[in-house]
Amino acid sequence: MVHSLIVFLLLGGILTQEASANPAHGRLQLMTSGERNILFAKFLQSSGERCDSVTRNFFQGSTKSGDAIWNVTCRDGQLFAVLIYNDAKGSSKILSCATLKAINAGECFKKVLRE
């Protein structure tokens, strides 16, 4: 399911005009780790994921097309990868880290390099 992380950034009043095609990722980078934890928890909850709070977030890297990959750990131990597409809408996709590993698409919390 594709979601829009930009909506959360707008609702939080922290989004400003940016020239970047991926403003949601740019704003996330400017936030403190604690602010990102709160935002990711709300985002996951509103997307139907079970995560009462996020205890850790990690910028894993970017794809060749500029999509940003963030990883989060929930208090109950669940791990998620959040892909933020390189578009002005802040479109995003959530995958559990277990699914990511099962489909041989990488592992969470390990830096990835653009190929």
C-alpha atoms as a PDB file:
ATOM      1  CA  MET A   1       0.000   0.000   0.000  1.00  0.00           C
ATOM      2  CA  VAL A   2       1.335   3.422  -0.937  1.00  0.00           C
ATOM      3  CA  HIS A   3       0.906   6.211   1.587  1.00  0.00           C
ATOM      4  CA  SER A   4       1.831   9.845   1.692  1.00  0.00           C
ATOM      5  CA  LEU A   5       4.312  10.753   4.391  1.00  0.00           C
ATOM      6  CA  ILE A   6       4.106  14.375   3.276  1.00  0.00           C
ATOM      7  CA  VAL A   7       0.654  14.607   4.878  1.00  0.00           C
ATOM      8  CA  PHE A   8       2.176  13.936   8.284  1.00  0.00           C
ATOM      9  CA  LEU A   9       4.874  16.493   7.724  1.00  0.00           C
ATOM     10  CA  LEU A  10       2.254  19.062   6.707  1.00  0.00           C
ATOM     11  CA  LEU A  11       0.027  18.282   9.679  1.00  0.00           C
ATOM     12  CA  GLY A  12       2.990  18.682  11.969  1.00  0.00           C
ATOM     13  CA  GLY A  13       3.594  22.137  10.535  1.00  0.00           C
ATOM     14  CA  ILE A  14       7.187  21.347   9.689  1.00  0.00           C
ATOM     15  CA  LEU A  15       7.106  21.261   5.919  1.00  0.00           C
ATOM     16  CA  THR A  16       8.445  24.221   4.024  1.00  0.00           C
ATOM     17  CA  GLN A  17       8.940  24.838   0.321  1.00  0.00           C
ATOM     18  CA  GLU A  18      11.895  22.880  -1.004  1.00  0.00           C
ATOM     19  CA  ALA A  19      13.373  22.569  -4.459  1.00  0.00           C
ATOM     20  CA  SER A  20      14.033  18.867  -3.943  1.00  0.00           C
ATOM     21  CA  ALA A  21      11.811  16.329  -5.694  1.00  0.00           C
ATOM     22  CA  ASN A  22      11.765  14.406  -2.399  1.00  0.00           C
ATOM     23  CA  PRO A  23      10.777  17.027   0.176  1.00  0.00           C
ATOM     24  CA  ALA A  24       9.509  14.481   2.713  1.00  0.00           C
ATOM     25  CA  HIS A  25      12.951  12.870   2.965  1.00  0.00           C
ATOM     26  CA  GLY A  26      14.644  16.267   3.120  1.00  0.00           C
ATOM     27  CA  ARG A  27      12.473  17.319   6.046  1.00  0.00           C
ATOM     28  CA  LEU A  28      13.027  14.019   7.843  1.00  0.00           C
ATOM     29  CA  GLN A  29      16.776  14.610   7.677  1.00  0.00           C
ATOM     30  CA  LEU A  30      16.341  17.983   9.385  1.00  0.00           C
ATOM     31  CA  MET A  31      14.383  16.498  12.297  1.00  0.00           C
ATOM     32  CA  THR A  32      15.886  15.136  15.490  1.00  0.00           C
ATOM     33  CA  SER A  33      15.853  11.379  15.975  1.00  0.00           C
ATOM     34  CA  GLY A  34      13.137  11.759  18.624  1.00  0.00           C
ATOM     35  CA  GLU A  35      10.944  13.818  16.293  1.00  0.00           C
ATOM     36  CA  ARG A  36      11.353  11.183  13.568  1.00  0.00           C
ATOM     37  CA  ASN A  37      10.427   8.427  16.044  1.00  0.00           C
ATOM     38  CA  ILE A  38       7.165  10.190  16.879  1.00  0.00           C
ATOM     39  CA  LEU A  39       6.377  10.885  13.231  1.00  0.00           C
ATOM     40  CA  PHE A  40       7.124   7.337  12.083  1.00  0.00           C
ATOM     41  CA  ALA A  41       4.994   5.857  14.909  1.00  0.00           C
ATOM     42  CA  LYS A  42       1.996   7.997  13.918  1.00  0.00           C
ATOM     43  CA  PHE A  43       2.572   7.194  10.255  1.00  0.00           C
ATOM     44  CA  LEU A  44       2.761   3.431  10.852  1.00  0.00           C
ATOM     45  CA  GLN A  45      -0.330   3.483  13.071  1.00  0.00           C
ATOM     46  CA  SER A  46      -2.386   5.418  10.551  1.00  0.00           C
ATOM     47  CA  SER A  47      -1.268   2.957   7.863  1.00  0.00           C
ATOM     48  CA  GLY A  48      -2.706   0.070   9.858  1.00  0.00           C
ATOM     49  CA  GLU A  49       0.574  -1.256  11.228  1.00  0.00           C
ATOM     50  CA  ARG A  50       0.819  -2.305  14.855  1.00  0.00           C
ATOM     51  CA  CYS A  51       3.451  -0.046  16.403  1.00  0.00           C
ATOM     52  CA  ASP A  52       2.642   1.866  19.578  1.00  0.00           C
ATOM     53  CA  SER A  53       5.948   3.735  19.571  1.00  0.00           C
ATOM     54  CA  VAL A  54       9.173   3.854  17.586  1.00  0.00           C
ATOM     55  CA  THR A  55      12.365   3.483  19.590  1.00  0.00           C
ATOM     56  CA  ARG A  56      14.920   3.719  16.780  1.00  0.00           C
ATOM     57  CA  ASN A  57      15.143   5.061  13.245  1.00  0.00           C
ATOM     58  CA  PHE A  58      17.911   4.690  10.709  1.00  0.00           C
ATOM     59  CA  PHE A  59      18.464   6.201   7.279  1.00  0.00           C
ATOM     60  CA  GLN A  60      19.537   3.168   5.293  1.00  0.00           C
ATOM     61  CA  GLY A  61      20.310   4.971   2.044  1.00  0.00           C
ATOM     62  CA  SER A  62      18.886   5.960  -1.316  1.00  0.00           C
ATOM     63  CA  THR A  63      18.166   4.139  -4.545  1.00  0.00           C
ATOM     64  CA  LYS A  64      19.593   5.255  -7.906  1.00  0.00           C
ATOM     65  CA  SER A  65      16.337   7.095  -8.564  1.00  0.00           C
ATOM     66  CA  GLY A  66      16.618   9.005  -5.273  1.00  0.00           C
ATOM     67  CA  ASP A  67      14.015   7.074  -3.261  1.00  0.00           C
ATOM     68  CA  ALA A  68      14.944   7.182   0.437  1.00  0.00           C
ATOM     69  CA  ILE A  69      14.907   4.090   2.642  1.00  0.00           C
ATOM     70  CA  TRP A  70      14.346   4.517   6.382  1.00  0.00           C
ATOM     71  CA  ASN A  71      14.247   1.691   8.931  1.00  0.00           C
ATOM     72  CA  VAL A  72      12.375   1.811  12.227  1.00  0.00           C
ATOM     73  CA  THR A  73      12.163  -0.353  15.324  1.00  0.00           C
ATOM     74  CA  CYS A  74       8.918  -0.433  17.293  1.00  0.00           C
ATOM     75  CA  ARG A  75       8.863  -0.858  21.047  1.00  0.00           C
ATOM     76  CA  ASP A  76       7.448  -4.380  20.662  1.00  0.00           C
ATOM     77  CA  GLY A  77      10.443  -5.365  18.527  1.00  0.00           C
ATOM     78  CA  GLN A  78       8.813  -5.156  15.104  1.00  0.00           C
ATOM     79  CA  LEU A  79      11.074  -3.786  12.373  1.00  0.00           C
ATOM     80  CA  PHE A  80       9.900  -1.884   9.311  1.00  0.00           C
ATOM     81  CA  ALA A  81      11.428  -0.398   6.183  1.00  0.00           C
ATOM     82  CA  VAL A  82       9.775   2.787   4.908  1.00  0.00           C
ATOM     83  CA  LEU A  83      10.499   3.643   1.296  1.00  0.00           C
ATOM     84  CA  ILE A  84       9.903   7.317   0.527  1.00  0.00           C
ATOM     85  CA  TYR A  85       9.592   7.774  -3.201  1.00  0.00           C
ATOM     86  CA  ASN A  86      11.408  10.586  -4.945  1.00  0.00           C
ATOM     87  CA  ASP A  87       8.288  12.565  -5.764  1.00  0.00           C
ATOM     88  CA  ALA A  88       6.736  15.808  -4.638  1.00  0.00           C
ATOM     89  CA  LYS A  89       3.863  13.952  -2.914  1.00  0.00           C
ATOM     90  CA  GLY A  90       6.028  12.075  -0.440  1.00  0.00           C
ATOM     91  CA  SER A  91       4.531   8.771  -1.576  1.00  0.00           C
ATOM     92  CA  SER A  92       5.785   5.901   0.511  1.00  0.00           C
ATOM     93  CA  LYS A  93       5.613   2.169   1.011  1.00  0.00           C
ATOM     94  CA  ILE A  94       5.979   0.168   4.220  1.00  0.00           C
ATOM     95  CA  LEU A  95       7.469  -3.325   4.382  1.00  0.00           C
ATOM     96  CA  SER A  96       8.295  -5.395   7.421  1.00  0.00           C
ATOM     97  CA  CYS A  97      12.002  -6.087   7.618  1.00  0.00           C
ATOM     98  CA  ALA A  98      11.201  -9.812   7.800  1.00  0.00           C
ATOM     99  CA  THR A  99       9.428  -9.574   4.426  1.00  0.00           C
ATOM    100  CA  LEU A 100      12.287  -7.569   2.957  1.00  0.00           C
ATOM    101  CA  LYS A 101      14.754 -10.268   3.970  1.00  0.00           C
ATOM    102  CA  ALA A 102      12.447 -13.115   2.858  1.00  0.00           C
ATOM    103  CA  ILE A 103      12.187 -11.744  -0.678  1.00  0.00           C
ATOM    104  CA  ASN A 104      15.960 -11.313  -0.772  1.00  0.00           C
ATOM    105  CA  ALA A 105      15.679  -7.532  -1.116  1.00  0.00           C
ATOM    106  CA  GLY A 106      18.180  -6.699   1.611  1.00  0.00           C
ATOM    107  CA  GLU A 107      18.312  -6.354   5.355  1.00  0.00           C
ATOM    108  CA  CYS A 108      17.234  -3.504   7.550  1.00  0.00           C
ATOM    109  CA  PHE A 109      19.686  -1.446   9.591  1.00  0.00           C
ATOM    110  CA  LYS A 110      22.543  -2.004   7.153  1.00  0.00           C
ATOM    111  CA  LYS A 111      23.705   0.918   5.042  1.00  0.00           C
ATOM    112  CA  VAL A 112      23.006   0.537   1.336  1.00  0.00           C
ATOM    113  CA  LEU A 113      24.960   2.259  -1.364  1.00  0.00           C
ATOM    114  CA  ARG A 114      23.604   3.595  -4.627  1.00  0.00           C
ATOM    115  CA  GLU A 115      24.547   1.313  -7.473  1.00  0.00           C
END
